[in-house]
Protein backbone atom coordinates (compact mmCIF):
# COMPACT_ATOMS: atom_id res chain seq x y z
CA MET A 1 15.65 25.97 -21.22
CA SER A 2 13.37 23.76 -19.35
CA ARG A 3 12.88 23.33 -15.59
CA ASP A 4 14.78 20.22 -15.90
CA ASP A 5 17.86 21.84 -17.57
CA ASP A 6 18.02 24.41 -14.88
CA GLU A 7 18.14 21.79 -12.21
CA ASP A 8 20.79 19.63 -13.89
CA ASP A 9 22.80 22.99 -14.17
CA LEU A 10 22.48 23.46 -10.58
CA LYS A 11 23.25 19.82 -9.84
CA ALA A 12 26.59 20.08 -12.01
CA ARG A 13 28.16 22.80 -10.00
CA PRO A 14 29.11 21.94 -6.76
CA GLY A 15 29.17 24.41 -3.77
CA ALA A 16 31.37 25.07 -0.68
CA GLY A 17 29.45 22.72 1.26
CA GLY A 18 29.42 19.87 -1.32
CA GLY A 19 25.93 20.89 -2.32
CA ILE A 20 24.82 23.09 -5.41
CA ASP A 21 25.99 26.50 -5.89
CA PRO A 22 23.17 28.46 -6.87
CA GLY A 23 25.24 31.70 -6.97
CA PRO A 24 25.27 32.39 -10.67
CA GLU A 25 21.66 31.79 -11.02
CA VAL A 26 20.64 33.91 -8.34
CA ALA A 27 23.00 36.76 -9.54
CA ALA A 28 21.19 36.34 -13.09
CA VAL A 29 17.78 36.73 -11.38
CA PHE A 30 18.70 39.55 -9.63
CA ASP A 31 20.48 41.37 -12.75
CA ASP A 32 17.05 40.60 -14.51
CA LEU A 33 15.22 42.21 -11.71
CA GLU A 34 17.40 45.19 -11.54
CA THR A 35 17.25 45.68 -15.38
CA LEU A 36 13.08 45.47 -14.97
CA LEU A 37 12.97 47.94 -12.14
CA LYS A 38 15.09 50.38 -14.09
CA ASN A 39 12.89 50.18 -17.22
CA GLY A 40 10.74 53.59 -17.54
CA ASP A 41 7.58 51.74 -18.48
CA VAL A 42 7.90 49.47 -15.17
CA ILE A 43 8.73 52.53 -13.01
CA ALA A 44 5.56 54.37 -14.62
CA ALA A 45 3.32 51.10 -13.80
CA LEU A 46 4.92 50.85 -10.24
CA THR A 47 4.46 54.62 -9.57
CA ALA A 48 0.92 54.52 -10.68
CA ARG A 49 0.38 51.74 -8.08
CA GLY A 50 2.06 54.00 -5.28
CA ILE A 51 5.11 51.86 -5.29
CA ASN A 52 8.55 53.42 -5.37
CA ALA A 53 11.05 51.59 -7.81
CA SER A 54 14.02 52.91 -6.08
CA LEU A 55 12.63 51.25 -2.85
CA ALA A 56 11.96 48.19 -4.59
CA LEU A 57 15.66 48.30 -6.04
CA LEU A 58 16.89 48.69 -2.50
CA ALA A 59 14.98 45.70 -1.15
CA ALA A 60 16.14 43.69 -3.89
CA ASP A 61 19.94 44.75 -3.19
CA ALA A 62 19.31 44.02 0.51
CA LEU A 63 18.11 40.47 -0.50
CA ARG A 64 20.97 40.13 -3.10
CA ALA A 65 23.26 40.95 0.03
CA TYR A 66 21.70 38.58 2.44
CA LEU A 67 21.97 35.74 -0.02
CA ALA A 68 25.58 36.33 -0.82
CA GLY A 69 26.16 36.29 3.04
CA ARG A 70 26.74 40.09 3.66
CA LYS A 71 24.07 40.03 6.60
CA ALA A 72 25.25 43.28 8.18
CA GLU A 73 24.84 45.21 4.73
CA ALA A 74 21.58 43.30 4.18
CA ALA A 75 20.31 44.31 7.57
CA GLU A 76 21.13 47.94 6.85
CA ASP A 77 19.20 47.82 3.83
CA PHE A 78 16.13 46.14 4.89
CA ALA A 79 16.11 48.53 7.70
CA THR A 80 16.43 51.50 5.39
CA VAL A 81 13.46 49.97 3.43
CA ALA A 82 11.23 49.22 6.30
CA GLU A 83 11.75 53.04 7.49
CA GLU A 84 11.03 54.44 4.31
CA ILE A 85 7.91 52.33 3.80
CA ARG A 86 6.51 53.09 7.27
CA GLY A 87 7.44 56.51 6.91
CA ARG A 88 5.31 57.11 3.65
CA LEU A 89 2.52 54.88 5.10
CA ALA A 90 2.41 57.23 8.04
CA VAL A 91 2.41 60.27 5.51
CA SER A 92 -0.45 58.50 3.65
CA ALA A 93 -2.42 57.85 6.75
CA GLU A 94 -2.49 61.39 7.59
CA GLY A 95 -4.33 61.96 4.93
CA SER A 96 -2.05 64.20 3.18
CA GLY A 97 -3.32 62.69 -0.34
CA THR A 98 0.09 61.94 -1.27
CA ASP A 99 2.02 58.68 -0.91
CA ALA A 100 5.56 60.32 -1.56
CA GLY A 101 6.40 56.81 -2.70
CA SER A 102 7.16 57.64 -6.30
CA GLN A 103 9.08 60.61 -5.36
CA GLY A 104 12.94 60.61 -4.97
CA GLU A 105 15.48 58.19 -3.87
CA PRO A 106 15.45 56.49 -0.62
CA SER A 107 17.68 57.94 2.14
CA ARG A 108 20.69 55.55 2.66
CA SER A 109 23.07 56.05 5.82
CA ASN A 110 25.93 54.64 4.02
CA GLY A 111 25.58 56.78 0.85
CA ARG A 112 25.90 53.84 -1.42
CA ARG A 113 23.62 53.75 -4.96
């Protein structure tokens, strides 16, 4: 599918405000990203770079929520991601030698996952 085809698909589907409805395309992109971030090889590559795939998934969930208009949920998830990254940076700055970025799940006050 070409970029022109994608643009035609967007133009063909009216949104609530009379414009386009990118919802299905955005959902498909996030579904693909989620699948990618759950792939063992991708997780291993990210972990080797000190990136926590669970935090990346949570950040993607936050952006998905924001784009869907669920702003309170997005704000909570983005705050959790920011807090976790800050905490991991502080640990690595203390010279502990571990980023802790590849271990465990991010903490979530609402218990979702």
